[in-house]
Amino acid sequence: MKTNGKNLQANDYLLTYSNEKVIELQMSIGKKLRAKRKEKGYNLKGVAQEIGIGLGTLSEIERGIYTFNVTILIRLVLYYGLEMQLLTRTNK
């Protein structure tokens, strides 16, 4: 039983660490998407309509507070003419 408890604690730590990294990356991607939208002169409403999501959803994606799925991300990448690698690259 003790071993299971230790494994659970280790898993909890990894899950917490992983979630922090996911949130950090999600916020970074959102900022990059917003920057690209503004660079191209697009407005939120127009982009949201073009890719088939709500205006509020796109706003939340750009602010890093919406957990979007891969389909939405791919739609945005294609719409903006981006490469997926550019979104996940970190500045370290």
C-alpha atoms as a PDB file:
ATOM      1  CA  MET A   1       0.000   0.000   0.000  1.00  0.00           C
ATOM      2  CA  LYS A   2       2.833   2.356   0.799  1.00  0.00           C
ATOM      3  CA  THR A   3       4.275   1.908  -2.671  1.00  0.00           C
ATOM      4  CA  ASN A   4       0.943   2.775  -4.240  1.00  0.00           C
ATOM      5  CA  GLY A   5       0.807   5.915  -2.129  1.00  0.00           C
ATOM      6  CA  LYS A   6       4.263   6.955  -3.312  1.00  0.00           C
ATOM      7  CA  ASN A   7       3.356   6.263  -6.928  1.00  0.00           C
ATOM      8  CA  LEU A   8       0.235   8.347  -6.557  1.00  0.00           C
ATOM      9  CA  GLN A   9       2.234  11.224  -5.108  1.00  0.00           C
ATOM     10  CA  ALA A  10       4.767  10.996  -7.924  1.00  0.00           C
ATOM     11  CA  ASN A  11       1.972  10.888 -10.485  1.00  0.00           C
ATOM     12  CA  ASP A  12       0.279  13.872  -8.847  1.00  0.00           C
ATOM     13  CA  TYR A  13       3.542  15.821  -9.094  1.00  0.00           C
ATOM     14  CA  LEU A  14       4.004  14.902 -12.745  1.00  0.00           C
ATOM     15  CA  LEU A  15       0.399  15.770 -13.530  1.00  0.00           C
ATOM     16  CA  THR A  16       0.711  19.150 -11.807  1.00  0.00           C
ATOM     17  CA  TYR A  17       4.013  19.881 -13.570  1.00  0.00           C
ATOM     18  CA  SER A  18       2.539  18.753 -16.871  1.00  0.00           C
ATOM     19  CA  ASN A  19      -0.571  20.915 -16.411  1.00  0.00           C
ATOM     20  CA  GLU A  20       1.573  23.971 -15.689  1.00  0.00           C
ATOM     21  CA  LYS A  21       3.532  23.403 -18.885  1.00  0.00           C
ATOM     22  CA  VAL A  22       0.330  22.892 -20.869  1.00  0.00           C
ATOM     23  CA  ILE A  23      -1.116  26.155 -19.560  1.00  0.00           C
ATOM     24  CA  GLU A  24       2.141  27.977 -20.294  1.00  0.00           C
ATOM     25  CA  LEU A  25       2.215  26.646 -23.854  1.00  0.00           C
ATOM     26  CA  GLN A  26      -1.487  27.348 -24.361  1.00  0.00           C
ATOM     27  CA  MET A  27      -0.980  30.982 -23.336  1.00  0.00           C
ATOM     28  CA  SER A  28       2.061  31.289 -25.588  1.00  0.00           C
ATOM     29  CA  ILE A  29       0.155  29.891 -28.570  1.00  0.00           C
ATOM     30  CA  GLY A  30      -2.744  32.239 -27.898  1.00  0.00           C
ATOM     31  CA  LYS A  31      -0.440  35.270 -27.876  1.00  0.00           C
ATOM     32  CA  LYS A  32       1.171  34.190 -31.137  1.00  0.00           C
ATOM     33  CA  LEU A  33      -2.216  33.657 -32.772  1.00  0.00           C
ATOM     34  CA  ARG A  34      -3.409  37.101 -31.645  1.00  0.00           C
ATOM     35  CA  ALA A  35      -0.203  38.712 -32.933  1.00  0.00           C
ATOM     36  CA  LYS A  36      -0.618  37.030 -36.323  1.00  0.00           C
ATOM     37  CA  ARG A  37      -4.276  38.054 -36.554  1.00  0.00           C
ATOM     38  CA  LYS A  38      -3.407  41.675 -35.830  1.00  0.00           C
ATOM     39  CA  GLU A  39      -0.413  41.574 -38.194  1.00  0.00           C
ATOM     40  CA  LYS A  40      -2.753  40.510 -41.000  1.00  0.00           C
ATOM     41  CA  GLY A  41      -5.304  43.170 -40.058  1.00  0.00           C
ATOM     42  CA  TYR A  42      -8.059  40.653 -39.303  1.00  0.00           C
ATOM     43  CA  ASN A  43     -10.723  41.222 -36.668  1.00  0.00           C
ATOM     44  CA  LEU A  44     -11.935  38.646 -34.148  1.00  0.00           C
ATOM     45  CA  LYS A  45     -15.443  38.402 -35.552  1.00  0.00           C
ATOM     46  CA  GLY A  46     -14.296  37.792 -39.118  1.00  0.00           C
ATOM     47  CA  VAL A  47     -11.774  35.107 -38.191  1.00  0.00           C
ATOM     48  CA  ALA A  48     -14.215  33.363 -35.865  1.00  0.00           C
ATOM     49  CA  GLN A  49     -16.856  33.247 -38.614  1.00  0.00           C
ATOM     50  CA  GLU A  50     -14.381  32.017 -41.227  1.00  0.00           C
ATOM     51  CA  ILE A  51     -13.135  29.100 -39.139  1.00  0.00           C
ATOM     52  CA  GLY A  52     -16.522  28.242 -37.624  1.00  0.00           C
ATOM     53  CA  ILE A  53     -16.148  29.107 -33.944  1.00  0.00           C
ATOM     54  CA  GLY A  54     -17.703  31.716 -31.696  1.00  0.00           C
ATOM     55  CA  LEU A  55     -16.225  35.162 -31.231  1.00  0.00           C
ATOM     56  CA  GLY A  56     -15.890  34.578 -27.476  1.00  0.00           C
ATOM     57  CA  THR A  57     -14.132  31.275 -28.077  1.00  0.00           C
ATOM     58  CA  LEU A  58     -11.520  32.882 -30.306  1.00  0.00           C
ATOM     59  CA  SER A  59     -11.000  35.662 -27.787  1.00  0.00           C
ATOM     60  CA  GLU A  60     -10.488  33.103 -25.016  1.00  0.00           C
ATOM     61  CA  ILE A  61      -8.048  31.117 -27.188  1.00  0.00           C
ATOM     62  CA  GLU A  62      -5.991  34.246 -27.782  1.00  0.00           C
ATOM     63  CA  ARG A  63      -5.961  35.002 -24.051  1.00  0.00           C
ATOM     64  CA  GLY A  64      -4.905  31.432 -23.245  1.00  0.00           C
ATOM     65  CA  ILE A  65      -7.954  30.646 -21.136  1.00  0.00           C
ATOM     66  CA  TYR A  66      -9.762  28.273 -23.499  1.00  0.00           C
ATOM     67  CA  THR A  67      -8.596  24.706 -23.921  1.00  0.00           C
ATOM     68  CA  PHE A  68      -9.028  24.337 -27.657  1.00  0.00           C
ATOM     69  CA  ASN A  69      -8.853  21.119 -29.615  1.00  0.00           C
ATOM     70  CA  VAL A  70      -6.480  20.237 -32.396  1.00  0.00           C
ATOM     71  CA  THR A  71      -9.110  20.814 -35.087  1.00  0.00           C
ATOM     72  CA  ILE A  72      -9.519  24.453 -34.077  1.00  0.00           C
ATOM     73  CA  LEU A  73      -5.760  24.901 -33.898  1.00  0.00           C
ATOM     74  CA  ILE A  74      -5.314  23.437 -37.388  1.00  0.00           C
ATOM     75  CA  ARG A  75      -8.041  25.704 -38.770  1.00  0.00           C
ATOM     76  CA  LEU A  76      -6.300  28.757 -37.301  1.00  0.00           C
ATOM     77  CA  VAL A  77      -2.877  27.661 -38.537  1.00  0.00           C
ATOM     78  CA  LEU A  78      -4.188  27.149 -42.058  1.00  0.00           C
ATOM     79  CA  TYR A  79      -6.209  30.363 -42.050  1.00  0.00           C
ATOM     80  CA  TYR A  80      -3.222  32.444 -40.953  1.00  0.00           C
ATOM     81  CA  GLY A  81      -0.771  30.548 -43.177  1.00  0.00           C
ATOM     82  CA  LEU A  82       1.392  29.530 -40.228  1.00  0.00           C
ATOM     83  CA  GLU A  83       3.593  26.548 -39.557  1.00  0.00           C
ATOM     84  CA  MET A  84       2.664  24.545 -36.466  1.00  0.00           C
ATOM     85  CA  GLN A  85       6.297  24.531 -35.270  1.00  0.00           C
ATOM     86  CA  LEU A  86       6.291  28.330 -34.987  1.00  0.00           C
ATOM     87  CA  LEU A  87       3.498  28.183 -32.452  1.00  0.00           C
ATOM     88  CA  THR A  88       5.200  25.734 -30.131  1.00  0.00           C
ATOM     89  CA  ARG A  89       8.703  27.217 -30.309  1.00  0.00           C
ATOM     90  CA  THR A  90       9.766  28.760 -27.025  1.00  0.00           C
ATOM     91  CA  ASN A  91      12.075  31.718 -26.580  1.00  0.00           C
ATOM     92  CA  LYS A  92      14.680  30.297 -24.200  1.00  0.00           C
END
